[in-house]
PDB file of N, CA and C in Angstrom:
ATOM      1  N   MET A   1     147.005 169.870  37.202  1.00  0.00           N
ATOM      2  CA  MET A   1     146.070 169.987  36.106  1.00  0.00           C
ATOM      3  C   MET A   1     145.716 171.453  35.928  1.00  0.00           C
ATOM      4  N   PRO A   2     145.515 171.880  34.717  1.00  0.00           N
ATOM      5  CA  PRO A   2     145.208 173.291  34.503  1.00  0.00           C
ATOM      6  C   PRO A   2     143.791 173.700  34.909  1.00  0.00           C
ATOM      7  N   HIS A   3     142.833 172.765  34.846  1.00  0.00           N
ATOM      8  CA  HIS A   3     141.439 173.152  35.091  1.00  0.00           C
ATOM      9  C   HIS A   3     140.728 172.156  36.005  1.00  0.00           C
ATOM     10  N   VAL A   4     139.872 172.669  36.862  1.00  0.00           N
ATOM     11  CA  VAL A   4     139.088 171.836  37.772  1.00  0.00           C
ATOM     12  C   VAL A   4     138.303 170.781  36.986  1.00  0.00           C
ATOM     13  N   ALA A   5     137.787 171.158  35.833  1.00  0.00           N
ATOM     14  CA  ALA A   5     136.985 170.233  35.026  1.00  0.00           C
ATOM     15  C   ALA A   5     137.766 168.990  34.603  1.00  0.00           C
ATOM     16  N   ASP A   6     139.100 169.057  34.610  1.00  0.00           N
ATOM     17  CA  ASP A   6     139.934 167.926  34.201  1.00  0.00           C
ATOM     18  C   ASP A   6     140.193 166.927  35.329  1.00  0.00           C
ATOM     19  N   LEU A   7     139.942 167.310  36.556  1.00  0.00           N
ATOM     20  CA  LEU A   7     140.337 166.492  37.698  1.00  0.00           C
ATOM     21  C   LEU A   7     139.628 165.142  37.760  1.00  0.00           C
ATOM     22  N   THR A   8     138.321 165.142  37.661  1.00  0.00           N
ATOM     23  CA  THR A   8     137.564 163.900  37.825  1.00  0.00           C
ATOM     24  C   THR A   8     137.905 162.884  36.745  1.00  0.00           C
ATOM     25  N   ALA A   9     137.953 163.323  35.495  1.00  0.00           N
ATOM     26  CA  ALA A   9     138.280 162.397  34.405  1.00  0.00           C
ATOM     27  C   ALA A   9     139.682 161.822  34.578  1.00  0.00           C
ATOM     28  N   THR A  10     140.618 162.664  34.986  1.00  0.00           N
ATOM     29  CA  THR A  10     141.998 162.204  35.197  1.00  0.00           C
ATOM     30  C   THR A  10     142.065 161.222  36.358  1.00  0.00           C
ATOM     31  N   LEU A  11     141.401 161.546  37.450  1.00  0.00           N
ATOM     32  CA  LEU A  11     141.368 160.651  38.607  1.00  0.00           C
ATOM     33  C   LEU A  11     140.752 159.308  38.221  1.00  0.00           C
ATOM     34  N   ASN A  12     139.655 159.336  37.497  1.00  0.00           N
ATOM     35  CA  ASN A  12     138.994 158.093  37.085  1.00  0.00           C
ATOM     36  C   ASN A  12     139.882 157.241  36.189  1.00  0.00           C
ATOM     37  N   GLU A  13     140.573 157.870  35.265  1.00  0.00           N
ATOM     38  CA  GLU A  13     141.439 157.119  34.347  1.00  0.00           C
ATOM     39  C   GLU A  13     142.637 156.520  35.085  1.00  0.00           C
ATOM     40  N   ILE A  14     143.257 157.279  35.963  1.00  0.00           N
ATOM     41  CA  ILE A  14     144.390 156.748  36.732  1.00  0.00           C
ATOM     42  C   ILE A  14     143.929 155.606  37.625  1.00  0.00           C
ATOM     43  N   THR A  15     142.781 155.759  38.256  1.00  0.00           N
ATOM     44  CA  THR A  15     142.235 154.701  39.114  1.00  0.00           C
ATOM     45  C   THR A  15     141.934 153.443  38.297  1.00  0.00           C
ATOM     46  N   ARG A  16     141.427 153.633  37.081  1.00  0.00           N
ATOM     47  CA  ARG A  16     141.157 152.484  36.207  1.00  0.00           C
ATOM     48  C   ARG A  16     142.448 151.751  35.852  1.00  0.00           C
ATOM     49  N   LEU A  17     143.504 152.513  35.565  1.00  0.00           N
ATOM     50  CA  LEU A  17     144.776 151.920  35.164  1.00  0.00           C
ATOM     51  C   LEU A  17     145.573 151.356  36.345  1.00  0.00           C
ATOM     52  N   GLN A  18     145.436 151.986  37.501  1.00  0.00           N
ATOM     53  CA  GLN A  18     146.182 151.594  38.698  1.00  0.00           C
ATOM     54  C   GLN A  18     145.217 151.494  39.887  1.00  0.00           C
ATOM     55  N   PRO A  19     144.377 150.469  39.928  1.00  0.00           N
ATOM     56  CA  PRO A  19     143.334 150.400  40.955  1.00  0.00           C
ATOM     57  C   PRO A  19     143.858 150.332  42.395  1.00  0.00           C
ATOM     58  N   SER A  20     145.078 149.886  42.597  1.00  0.00           N
ATOM     59  CA  SER A  20     145.605 149.793  43.961  1.00  0.00           C
ATOM     60  C   SER A  20     146.256 151.092  44.444  1.00  0.00           C
ATOM     61  N   LEU A  21     146.414 152.067  43.560  1.00  0.00           N
ATOM     62  CA  LEU A  21     147.039 153.343  43.912  1.00  0.00           C
ATOM     63  C   LEU A  21     146.121 154.149  44.821  1.00  0.00           C
ATOM     64  N   LYS A  22     146.649 154.600  45.932  1.00  0.00           N
ATOM     65  CA  LYS A  22     145.890 155.454  46.848  1.00  0.00           C
ATOM     66  C   LYS A  22     146.027 156.891  46.357  1.00  0.00           C
ATOM     67  N   ILE A  23     144.957 157.400  45.763  1.00  0.00           N
ATOM     68  CA  ILE A  23     145.014 158.687  45.077  1.00  0.00           C
ATOM     69  C   ILE A  23     143.722 159.463  45.312  1.00  0.00           C
ATOM     70  N   ALA A  24     143.844 160.789  45.296  1.00  0.00           N
ATOM     71  CA  ALA A  24     142.678 161.669  45.414  1.00  0.00           C
ATOM     72  C   ALA A  24     142.910 162.871  44.516  1.00  0.00           C
ATOM     73  N   ALA A  25     141.855 163.642  44.324  1.00  0.00           N
ATOM     74  CA  ALA A  25     141.945 164.889  43.549  1.00  0.00           C
ATOM     75  C   ALA A  25     141.309 165.996  44.363  1.00  0.00           C
ATOM     76  N   THR A  26     141.862 167.209  44.223  1.00  0.00           N
ATOM     77  CA  THR A  26     141.314 168.335  44.966  1.00  0.00           C
ATOM     78  C   THR A  26     141.555 169.640  44.218  1.00  0.00           C
ATOM     79  N   HIS A  27     140.840 170.663  44.647  1.00  0.00           N
ATOM     80  CA  HIS A  27     140.967 172.004  44.082  1.00  0.00           C
ATOM     81  C   HIS A  27     140.536 173.001  45.149  1.00  0.00           C
ATOM     82  N   ALA A  28     140.686 174.284  44.877  1.00  0.00           N
ATOM     83  CA  ALA A  28     140.424 175.320  45.878  1.00  0.00           C
ATOM     84  C   ALA A  28     139.002 175.281  46.420  1.00  0.00           C
ATOM     85  N   GLY A  29     138.014 174.915  45.614  1.00  0.00           N
ATOM     86  CA  GLY A  29     136.624 174.900  46.065  1.00  0.00           C
ATOM     87  C   GLY A  29     136.185 173.587  46.689  1.00  0.00           C
ATOM     88  N   ASP A  30     137.081 172.631  46.814  1.00  0.00           N
ATOM     89  CA  ASP A  30     136.754 171.318  47.372  1.00  0.00           C
ATOM     90  C   ASP A  30     136.616 171.424  48.887  1.00  0.00           C
ATOM     91  N   PRO A  31     135.438 171.113  49.454  1.00  0.00           N
ATOM     92  CA  PRO A  31     135.277 171.207  50.905  1.00  0.00           C
ATOM     93  C   PRO A  31     136.166 170.224  51.673  1.00  0.00           C
ATOM     94  N   ASP A  32     136.653 169.179  51.020  1.00  0.00           N
ATOM     95  CA  ASP A  32     137.516 168.190  51.676  1.00  0.00           C
ATOM     96  C   ASP A  32     138.995 168.411  51.369  1.00  0.00           C
ATOM     97  N   ARG A  33     139.317 169.567  50.815  1.00  0.00           N
ATOM     98  CA  ARG A  33     140.694 169.840  50.390  1.00  0.00           C
ATOM     99  C   ARG A  33     141.700 169.680  51.526  1.00  0.00           C
ATOM    100  N   GLN A  34     141.439 170.276  52.670  1.00  0.00           N
ATOM    101  CA  GLN A  34     142.401 170.205  53.782  1.00  0.00           C
ATOM    102  C   GLN A  34     142.627 168.767  54.235  1.00  0.00           C
ATOM    103  N   ALA A  35     141.569 167.977  54.281  1.00  0.00           N
ATOM    104  CA  ALA A  35     141.699 166.571  54.690  1.00  0.00           C
ATOM    105  C   ALA A  35     142.545 165.792  53.676  1.00  0.00           C
ATOM    106  N   LYS A  36     142.357 166.066  52.394  1.00  0.00           N
ATOM    107  CA  LYS A  36     143.133 165.378  51.358  1.00  0.00           C
ATOM    108  C   LYS A  36     144.597 165.789  51.398  1.00  0.00           C
ATOM    109  N   VAL A  37     144.853 167.064  51.615  1.00  0.00           N
ATOM    110  CA  VAL A  37     146.235 167.531  51.734  1.00  0.00           C
ATOM    111  C   VAL A  37     146.889 166.893  52.957  1.00  0.00           C
ATOM    112  N   GLN A  38     146.170 166.831  54.055  1.00  0.00           N
ATOM    113  CA  GLN A  38     146.708 166.205  55.271  1.00  0.00           C
ATOM    114  C   GLN A  38     146.961 164.714  55.049  1.00  0.00           C
ATOM    115  N   ALA A  39     146.068 164.044  54.338  1.00  0.00           N
ATOM    116  CA  ALA A  39     146.265 162.624  54.037  1.00  0.00           C
ATOM    117  C   ALA A  39     147.522 162.424  53.194  1.00  0.00           C
ATOM    118  N   MET A  40     147.798 163.339  52.296  1.00  0.00           N
ATOM    119  CA  MET A  40     149.020 163.260  51.490  1.00  0.00           C
ATOM    120  C   MET A  40     150.243 163.482  52.374  1.00  0.00           C
ATOM    121  N   ARG A  41     150.170 164.461  53.249  1.00  0.00           N
ATOM    122  CA  ARG A  41     151.291 164.722  54.172  1.00  0.00           C
ATOM    123  C   ARG A  41     151.583 163.521  55.054  1.00  0.00           C
ATOM    124  N   ALA A  42     150.515 162.833  55.469  1.00  0.00           N
ATOM    125  CA  ALA A  42     150.651 161.684  56.370  1.00  0.00           C
ATOM    126  C   ALA A  42     150.969 160.392  55.620  1.00  0.00           C
ATOM    127  N   SER A  43     151.219 160.496  54.326  1.00  0.00           N
ATOM    128  CA  SER A  43     151.524 159.349  53.459  1.00  0.00           C
ATOM    129  C   SER A  43     150.384 158.341  53.394  1.00  0.00           C
ATOM    130  N   GLU A  44     149.170 158.795  53.658  1.00  0.00           N
ATOM    131  CA  GLU A  44     147.996 157.939  53.491  1.00  0.00           C
ATOM    132  C   GLU A  44     147.596 157.881  52.021  1.00  0.00           C
ATOM    133  N   LEU A  45     148.028 158.853  51.248  1.00  0.00           N
ATOM    134  CA  LEU A  45     147.833 158.876  49.803  1.00  0.00           C
ATOM    135  C   LEU A  45     149.192 158.734  49.132  1.00  0.00           C
ATOM    136  N   GLN A  46     149.210 158.073  47.986  1.00  0.00           N
ATOM    137  CA  GLN A  46     150.434 157.958  47.200  1.00  0.00           C
ATOM    138  C   GLN A  46     150.517 159.036  46.129  1.00  0.00           C
ATOM    139  N   ALA A  47     149.377 159.632  45.805  1.00  0.00           N
ATOM    140  CA  ALA A  47     149.342 160.673  44.779  1.00  0.00           C
ATOM    141  C   ALA A  47     148.173 161.606  45.049  1.00  0.00           C
ATOM    142  N   LEU A  48     148.344 162.849  44.638  1.00  0.00           N
ATOM    143  CA  LEU A  48     147.303 163.856  44.780  1.00  0.00           C
ATOM    144  C   LEU A  48     147.264 164.669  43.498  1.00  0.00           C
ATOM    145  N   ILE A  49     146.108 164.684  42.873  1.00  0.00           N
ATOM    146  CA  ILE A  49     145.922 165.455  41.646  1.00  0.00           C
ATOM    147  C   ILE A  49     145.292 166.786  42.043  1.00  0.00           C
ATOM    148  N   THR A  50     145.895 167.887  41.604  1.00  0.00           N
ATOM    149  CA  THR A  50     145.380 169.198  41.988  1.00  0.00           C
ATOM    150  C   THR A  50     145.429 170.165  40.807  1.00  0.00           C
ATOM    151  N   THR A  51     144.789 171.289  41.003  1.00  0.00           N
ATOM    152  CA  THR A  51     144.979 172.426  40.117  1.00  0.00           C
ATOM    153  C   THR A  51     146.190 173.168  40.680  1.00  0.00           C
ATOM    154  N   THR A  52     146.329 174.426  40.391  1.00  0.00           N
ATOM    155  CA  THR A  52     147.516 175.173  40.831  1.00  0.00           C
ATOM    156  C   THR A  52     147.478 175.556  42.306  1.00  0.00           C
ATOM    157  N   ILE A  53     146.518 175.067  43.072  1.00  0.00           N
ATOM    158  CA  ILE A  53     146.393 175.473  44.475  1.00  0.00           C
ATOM    159  C   ILE A  53     147.599 175.133  45.329  1.00  0.00           C
ATOM    160  N   LEU A  54     148.397 174.154  44.924  1.00  0.00           N
ATOM    161  CA  LEU A  54     149.530 173.735  45.753  1.00  0.00           C
ATOM    162  C   LEU A  54     150.872 174.182  45.199  1.00  0.00           C
ATOM    163  N   GLU A  55     150.865 175.169  44.314  1.00  0.00           N
ATOM    164  CA  GLU A  55     152.138 175.570  43.706  1.00  0.00           C
ATOM    165  C   GLU A  55     153.053 176.285  44.689  1.00  0.00           C
ATOM    166  N   ARG A  56     152.497 176.850  45.746  1.00  0.00           N
ATOM    167  CA  ARG A  56     153.315 177.560  46.742  1.00  0.00           C
ATOM    168  C   ARG A  56     152.897 177.147  48.143  1.00  0.00           C
ATOM    169  N   GLY A  57     153.885 177.127  49.032  1.00  0.00           N
ATOM    170  CA  GLY A  57     153.591 177.002  50.447  1.00  0.00           C
ATOM    171  C   GLY A  57     153.247 175.626  50.963  1.00  0.00           C
ATOM    172  N   VAL A  58     153.268 174.606  50.132  1.00  0.00           N
ATOM    173  CA  VAL A  58     152.955 173.257  50.590  1.00  0.00           C
ATOM    174  C   VAL A  58     154.159 172.373  50.320  1.00  0.00           C
ATOM    175  N   THR A  59     154.539 171.603  51.322  1.00  0.00           N
ATOM    176  CA  THR A  59     155.672 170.706  51.175  1.00  0.00           C
ATOM    177  C   THR A  59     155.244 169.286  51.510  1.00  0.00           C
ATOM    178  N   PHE A  60     155.534 168.384  50.600  1.00  0.00           N
ATOM    179  CA  PHE A  60     155.356 166.959  50.821  1.00  0.00           C
ATOM    180  C   PHE A  60     156.731 166.339  50.675  1.00  0.00           C
ATOM    181  N   LYS A  61     157.135 165.524  51.612  1.00  0.00           N
ATOM    182  CA  LYS A  61     158.463 164.916  51.550  1.00  0.00           C
ATOM    183  C   LYS A  61     158.513 163.836  50.488  1.00  0.00           C
ATOM    184  N   GLY A  62     159.612 163.826  49.739  1.00  0.00           N
ATOM    185  CA  GLY A  62     159.911 162.744  48.817  1.00  0.00           C
ATOM    186  C   GLY A  62     158.989 162.599  47.624  1.00  0.00           C
ATOM    187  N   ILE A  63     158.487 163.701  47.090  1.00  0.00           N
ATOM    188  CA  ILE A  63     157.557 163.570  45.965  1.00  0.00           C
ATOM    189  C   ILE A  63     158.216 163.840  44.623  1.00  0.00           C
ATOM    190  N   ASP A  64     157.575 163.326  43.598  1.00  0.00           N
ATOM    191  CA  ASP A  64     157.855 163.680  42.217  1.00  0.00           C
ATOM    192  C   ASP A  64     156.620 164.425  41.737  1.00  0.00           C
ATOM    193  N   VAL A  65     156.759 165.183  40.661  1.00  0.00           N
ATOM    194  CA  VAL A  65     155.663 166.014  40.169  1.00  0.00           C
ATOM    195  C   VAL A  65     155.451 165.777  38.682  1.00  0.00           C
ATOM    196  N   MET A  66     154.190 165.668  38.298  1.00  0.00           N
ATOM    197  CA  MET A  66     153.824 165.619  36.891  1.00  0.00           C
ATOM    198  C   MET A  66     152.855 166.767  36.640  1.00  0.00           C
ATOM    199  N   ILE A  67     153.205 167.628  35.708  1.00  0.00           N
ATOM    200  CA  ILE A  67     152.349 168.768  35.360  1.00  0.00           C
ATOM    201  C   ILE A  67     151.665 168.425  34.044  1.00  0.00           C
ATOM    202  N   LEU A  68     150.417 167.964  34.137  1.00  0.00           N
ATOM    203  CA  LEU A  68     149.663 167.624  32.937  1.00  0.00           C
ATOM    204  C   LEU A  68     149.055 168.890  32.359  1.00  0.00           C
ATOM    205  N   GLY A  69     149.160 169.047  31.073  1.00  0.00           N
ATOM    206  CA  GLY A  69     148.656 170.269  30.442  1.00  0.00           C
ATOM    207  C   GLY A  69     149.541 171.461  30.715  1.00  0.00           C
ATOM    208  N   ALA A  70     150.842 171.208  30.872  1.00  0.00           N
ATOM    209  CA  ALA A  70     151.781 172.280  31.222  1.00  0.00           C
ATOM    210  C   ALA A  70     151.845 173.374  30.162  1.00  0.00           C
ATOM    211  N   ASP A  71     151.380 173.075  28.967  1.00  0.00           N
ATOM    212  CA  ASP A  71     151.377 174.073  27.898  1.00  0.00           C
ATOM    213  C   ASP A  71     150.110 174.934  27.909  1.00  0.00           C
ATOM    214  N   ASP A  72     149.216 174.704  28.848  1.00  0.00           N
ATOM    215  CA  ASP A  72     147.997 175.521  28.953  1.00  0.00           C
ATOM    216  C   ASP A  72     148.382 176.933  29.402  1.00  0.00           C
ATOM    217  N   PRO A  73     147.721 177.957  28.861  1.00  0.00           N
ATOM    218  CA  PRO A  73     148.046 179.340  29.226  1.00  0.00           C
ATOM    219  C   PRO A  73     147.871 179.661  30.713  1.00  0.00           C
ATOM    220  N   VAL A  74     147.158 178.838  31.457  1.00  0.00           N
ATOM    221  CA  VAL A  74     146.998 179.086  32.893  1.00  0.00           C
ATOM    222  C   VAL A  74     148.342 178.989  33.626  1.00  0.00           C
ATOM    223  N   PHE A  75     149.286 178.246  33.054  1.00  0.00           N
ATOM    224  CA  PHE A  75     150.599 178.076  33.678  1.00  0.00           C
ATOM    225  C   PHE A  75     151.589 179.092  33.121  1.00  0.00           C
ATOM    226  N   SER A  76     152.021 180.017  33.951  1.00  0.00           N
ATOM    227  CA  SER A  76     153.094 180.941  33.575  1.00  0.00           C
ATOM    228  C   SER A  76     154.436 180.245  33.815  1.00  0.00           C
ATOM    229  N   GLN A  77     155.496 180.852  33.338  1.00  0.00           N
ATOM    230  CA  GLN A  77     156.828 180.307  33.590  1.00  0.00           C
ATOM    231  C   GLN A  77     157.076 180.234  35.093  1.00  0.00           C
ATOM    232  N   ALA A  78     156.724 181.287  35.810  1.00  0.00           N
ATOM    233  CA  ALA A  78     156.934 181.307  37.263  1.00  0.00           C
ATOM    234  C   ALA A  78     156.119 180.212  37.956  1.00  0.00           C
ATOM    235  N   ALA A  79     154.888 179.979  37.503  1.00  0.00           N
ATOM    236  CA  ALA A  79     154.057 178.934  38.110  1.00  0.00           C
ATOM    237  C   ALA A  79     154.667 177.555  37.876  1.00  0.00           C
ATOM    238  N   LEU A  80     155.148 177.301  36.668  1.00  0.00           N
ATOM    239  CA  LEU A  80     155.772 176.006  36.376  1.00  0.00           C
ATOM    240  C   LEU A  80     157.006 175.785  37.257  1.00  0.00           C
ATOM    241  N   ILE A  81     157.787 176.828  37.448  1.00  0.00           N
ATOM    242  CA  ILE A  81     158.981 176.729  38.297  1.00  0.00           C
ATOM    243  C   ILE A  81     158.575 176.469  39.750  1.00  0.00           C
ATOM    244  N   GLN A  82     157.554 177.169  40.227  1.00  0.00           N
ATOM    245  CA  GLN A  82     157.075 176.960  41.593  1.00  0.00           C
ATOM    246  C   GLN A  82     156.564 175.536  41.794  1.00  0.00           C
ATOM    247  N   ILE A  83     155.807 175.033  40.828  1.00  0.00           N
ATOM    248  CA  ILE A  83     155.271 173.675  40.934  1.00  0.00           C
ATOM    249  C   ILE A  83     156.414 172.664  40.940  1.00  0.00           C
ATOM    250  N   ALA A  84     157.370 172.833  40.047  1.00  0.00           N
ATOM    251  CA  ALA A  84     158.532 171.940  40.010  1.00  0.00           C
ATOM    252  C   ALA A  84     159.308 172.016  41.324  1.00  0.00           C
ATOM    253  N   GLY A  85     159.288 173.169  41.945  1.00  0.00           N
ATOM    254  CA  GLY A  85     159.995 173.372  43.214  1.00  0.00           C
ATOM    255  C   GLY A  85     159.412 172.623  44.389  1.00  0.00           C
ATOM    256  N   ARG A  86     158.297 171.932  44.199  1.00  0.00           N
ATOM    257  CA  ARG A  86     157.735 171.095  45.265  1.00  0.00           C
ATOM    258  C   ARG A  86     158.601 169.860  45.483  1.00  0.00           C
ATOM    259  N   CYS A  87     159.436 169.502  44.495  1.00  0.00           N
ATOM    260  CA  CYS A  87     160.328 168.342  44.605  1.00  0.00           C
ATOM    261  C   CYS A  87     161.584 168.705  45.388  1.00  0.00           C
ATOM    262  N   GLY A  88     162.174 167.694  45.985  1.00  0.00           N
ATOM    263  CA  GLY A  88     163.482 167.866  46.603  1.00  0.00           C
ATOM    264  C   GLY A  88     163.477 168.765  47.820  1.00  0.00           C
ATOM    265  N   ARG A  89     162.455 168.678  48.627  1.00  0.00           N
ATOM    266  CA  ARG A  89     162.335 169.581  49.761  1.00  0.00           C
ATOM    267  C   ARG A  89     162.600 168.891  51.093  1.00  0.00           C
ATOM    268  N   SER A  90     163.404 167.823  51.064  1.00  0.00           N
ATOM    269  CA  SER A  90     163.782 167.180  52.323  1.00  0.00           C
ATOM    270  C   SER A  90     165.232 166.729  52.238  1.00  0.00           C
ATOM    271  N   ALA A  91     165.885 166.723  53.372  1.00  0.00           N
ATOM    272  CA  ALA A  91     167.293 166.324  53.408  1.00  0.00           C
ATOM    273  C   ALA A  91     167.452 164.857  53.027  1.00  0.00           C
ATOM    274  N   SER A  92     166.449 164.023  53.335  1.00  0.00           N
ATOM    275  CA  SER A  92     166.551 162.606  53.022  1.00  0.00           C
ATOM    276  C   SER A  92     166.373 162.316  51.529  1.00  0.00           C
ATOM    277  N   ARG A  93     165.734 163.229  50.824  1.00  0.00           N
ATOM    278  CA  ARG A  93     165.571 163.085  49.363  1.00  0.00           C
ATOM    279  C   ARG A  93     165.584 164.487  48.744  1.00  0.00           C
ATOM    280  N   PRO A  94     166.785 165.025  48.537  1.00  0.00           N
ATOM    281  CA  PRO A  94     166.892 166.410  48.065  1.00  0.00           C
ATOM    282  C   PRO A  94     166.648 166.589  46.567  1.00  0.00           C
ATOM    283  N   THR A  95     166.287 165.522  45.877  1.00  0.00           N
ATOM    284  CA  THR A  95     165.997 165.617  44.457  1.00  0.00           C
ATOM    285  C   THR A  95     164.613 165.040  44.194  1.00  0.00           C
ATOM    286  N   GLY A  96     164.141 165.222  43.008  1.00  0.00           N
ATOM    287  CA  GLY A  96     162.858 164.655  42.605  1.00  0.00           C
ATOM    288  C   GLY A  96     162.725 164.763  41.102  1.00  0.00           C
ATOM    289  N   LYS A  97     161.811 164.020  40.560  1.00  0.00           N
ATOM    290  CA  LYS A  97     161.562 164.035  39.118  1.00  0.00           C
ATOM    291  C   LYS A  97     160.400 164.974  38.824  1.00  0.00           C
ATOM    292  N   VAL A  98     160.517 165.703  37.727  1.00  0.00           N
ATOM    293  CA  VAL A  98     159.441 166.575  37.255  1.00  0.00           C
ATOM    294  C   VAL A  98     159.191 166.227  35.792  1.00  0.00           C
ATOM    295  N   TRP A  99     157.943 165.876  35.502  1.00  0.00           N
ATOM    296  CA  TRP A  99     157.539 165.605  34.124  1.00  0.00           C
ATOM    297  C   TRP A  99     156.499 166.633  33.720  1.00  0.00           C
ATOM    298  N   THR A 100     156.545 167.040  32.463  1.00  0.00           N
ATOM    299  CA  THR A 100     155.505 167.912  31.932  1.00  0.00           C
ATOM    300  C   THR A 100     154.810 167.194  30.790  1.00  0.00           C
ATOM    301  N   GLY A 101     153.496 167.133  30.889  1.00  0.00           N
ATOM    302  CA  GLY A 101     152.693 166.577  29.818  1.00  0.00           C
ATOM    303  C   GLY A 101     152.166 167.722  28.976  1.00  0.00           C
ATOM    304  N   VAL A 102     152.526 167.727  27.711  1.00  0.00           N
ATOM    305  CA  VAL A 102     152.131 168.833  26.838  1.00  0.00           C
ATOM    306  C   VAL A 102     151.617 168.301  25.505  1.00  0.00           C
ATOM    307  N   THR A 103     150.805 169.096  24.862  1.00  0.00           N
ATOM    308  CA  THR A 103     150.400 168.835  23.487  1.00  0.00           C
ATOM    309  C   THR A 103     151.384 169.513  22.556  1.00  0.00           C
ATOM    310  N   GLU A 104     151.913 170.633  23.030  1.00  0.00           N
ATOM    311  CA  GLU A 104     152.817 171.450  22.229  1.00  0.00           C
ATOM    312  C   GLU A 104     153.919 171.991  23.125  1.00  0.00           C
ATOM    313  N   ARG A 105     155.154 171.955  22.651  1.00  0.00           N
ATOM    314  CA  ARG A 105     156.271 172.520  23.417  1.00  0.00           C
ATOM    315  C   ARG A 105     156.225 174.036  23.266  1.00  0.00           C
ATOM    316  N   THR A 106     155.693 174.683  24.263  1.00  0.00           N
ATOM    317  CA  THR A 106     155.552 176.135  24.207  1.00  0.00           C
ATOM    318  C   THR A 106     156.806 176.828  24.715  1.00  0.00           C
ATOM    319  N   ARG A 107     156.898 178.095  24.383  1.00  0.00           N
ATOM    320  CA  ARG A 107     158.023 178.894  24.843  1.00  0.00           C
ATOM    321  C   ARG A 107     158.052 178.949  26.364  1.00  0.00           C
ATOM    322  N   THR A 108     156.889 179.033  26.984  1.00  0.00           N
ATOM    323  CA  THR A 108     156.803 179.087  28.446  1.00  0.00           C
ATOM    324  C   THR A 108     157.379 177.822  29.077  1.00  0.00           C
ATOM    325  N   VAL A 109     157.026 176.665  28.555  1.00  0.00           N
ATOM    326  CA  VAL A 109     157.527 175.396  29.092  1.00  0.00           C
ATOM    327  C   VAL A 109     159.036 175.291  28.893  1.00  0.00           C
ATOM    328  N   ILE A 110     159.522 175.656  27.727  1.00  0.00           N
ATOM    329  CA  ILE A 110     160.956 175.581  27.439  1.00  0.00           C
ATOM    330  C   ILE A 110     161.736 176.544  28.329  1.00  0.00           C
ATOM    331  N   GLN A 111     161.231 177.759  28.486  1.00  0.00           N
ATOM    332  CA  GLN A 111     161.924 178.734  29.337  1.00  0.00           C
ATOM    333  C   GLN A 111     161.920 178.301  30.799  1.00  0.00           C
ATOM    334  N   ALA A 112     160.817 177.716  31.256  1.00  0.00           N
ATOM    335  CA  ALA A 112     160.767 177.223  32.641  1.00  0.00           C
ATOM    336  C   ALA A 112     161.793 176.106  32.833  1.00  0.00           C
ATOM    337  N   ARG A 113     161.840 175.173  31.893  1.00  0.00           N
ATOM    338  CA  ARG A 113     162.813 174.076  31.971  1.00  0.00           C
ATOM    339  C   ARG A 113     164.230 174.626  32.016  1.00  0.00           C
ATOM    340  N   ASN A 114     164.541 175.577  31.146  1.00  0.00           N
ATOM    341  CA  ASN A 114     165.886 176.143  31.109  1.00  0.00           C
ATOM    342  C   ASN A 114     166.231 176.863  32.403  1.00  0.00           C
ATOM    343  N   GLU A 115     165.284 177.592  32.949  1.00  0.00           N
ATOM    344  CA  GLU A 115     165.524 178.307  34.216  1.00  0.00           C
ATOM    345  C   GLU A 115     165.741 177.321  35.360  1.00  0.00           C
ATOM    346  N   ILE A 116     164.962 176.255  35.404  1.00  0.00           N
ATOM    347  CA  ILE A 116     165.132 175.234  36.448  1.00  0.00           C
ATOM    348  C   ILE A 116     166.511 174.594  36.334  1.00  0.00           C
ATOM    349  N   ARG A 117     166.909 174.257  35.126  1.00  0.00           N
ATOM    350  CA  ARG A 117     168.250 173.673  34.929  1.00  0.00           C
ATOM    351  C   ARG A 117     169.342 174.635  35.378  1.00  0.00           C
ATOM    352  N   TYR A 118     169.192 175.896  35.028  1.00  0.00           N
ATOM    353  CA  TYR A 118     170.171 176.911  35.427  1.00  0.00           C
ATOM    354  C   TYR A 118     170.235 177.033  36.948  1.00  0.00           C
ATOM    355  N   LEU A 119     169.073 177.126  37.589  1.00  0.00           N
ATOM    356  CA  LEU A 119     169.037 177.268  39.045  1.00  0.00           C
ATOM    357  C   LEU A 119     169.613 176.035  39.740  1.00  0.00           C
ATOM    358  N   ASN A 120     169.308 174.850  39.220  1.00  0.00           N
ATOM    359  CA  ASN A 120     169.869 173.632  39.805  1.00  0.00           C
ATOM    360  C   ASN A 120     171.383 173.591  39.651  1.00  0.00           C
ATOM    361  N   MET A 121     171.895 174.002  38.488  1.00  0.00           N
ATOM    362  CA  MET A 121     173.332 174.038  38.262  1.00  0.00           C
ATOM    363  C   MET A 121     173.985 175.047  39.214  1.00  0.00           C
ATOM    364  N   LYS A 122     173.372 176.202  39.322  1.00  0.00           N
ATOM    365  CA  LYS A 122     173.900 177.236  40.212  1.00  0.00           C
ATOM    366  C   LYS A 122     173.881 176.760  41.666  1.00  0.00           C
ATOM    367  N   GLY A 123     172.819 176.071  42.059  1.00  0.00           N
ATOM    368  CA  GLY A 123     172.723 175.539  43.418  1.00  0.00           C
ATOM    369  C   GLY A 123     173.789 174.519  43.738  1.00  0.00           C
ATOM    370  N   LYS A 124     174.179 173.722  42.743  1.00  0.00           N
ATOM    371  CA  LYS A 124     175.225 172.708  42.950  1.00  0.00           C
ATOM    372  C   LYS A 124     176.574 173.356  43.229  1.00  0.00           C
ATOM    373  N   GLN A 125     176.792 174.568  42.767  1.00  0.00           N
ATOM    374  CA  GLN A 125     178.037 175.289  43.018  1.00  0.00           C
ATOM    375  C   GLN A 125     178.206 175.570  44.509  1.00  0.00           C
ATOM    376  N   TYR A 126     177.078 175.608  45.234  1.00  0.00           N
ATOM    377  CA  TYR A 126     177.127 175.962  46.643  1.00  0.00           C
ATOM    378  C   TYR A 126     176.952 174.777  47.571  1.00  0.00           C
ATOM    379  N   ASP A 127     176.825 173.548  47.014  1.00  0.00           N
ATOM    380  CA  ASP A 127     176.733 172.365  47.848  1.00  0.00           C
ATOM    381  C   ASP A 127     178.030 172.184  48.610  1.00  0.00           C
ATOM    382  N   VAL A 128     177.889 171.767  49.847  1.00  0.00           N
ATOM    383  CA  VAL A 128     179.065 171.569  50.691  1.00  0.00           C
ATOM    384  C   VAL A 128     179.391 170.107  50.788  1.00  0.00           C
TER     385      VAL A 128
END
């Protein structure tokens, strides 16, 4: 999510639509952030809604990613690529799905998509 203010409403709506889904939301100022991240790592959560705090340095096995508000100016092309790069980080599931929720197809979103496709194609050239 692009903004902390969006987290609670999004969490509430997803919980309303999918009441059995084990889900939490977190951001950099959340005092329970580390516990929620650990719960996601331990597969105690099925989904975690965050701001850009997890775009680098965090790995969850076997995840897919949805970037809601990907057309918001807070997301640079590099940030979108980093967030998408959270997928496919385990040998048991080297791929993952990435969805972007946008109001408008911006140049940043299109360029990020094209770069990801290029990098994935280039990476396949080196698969053994």
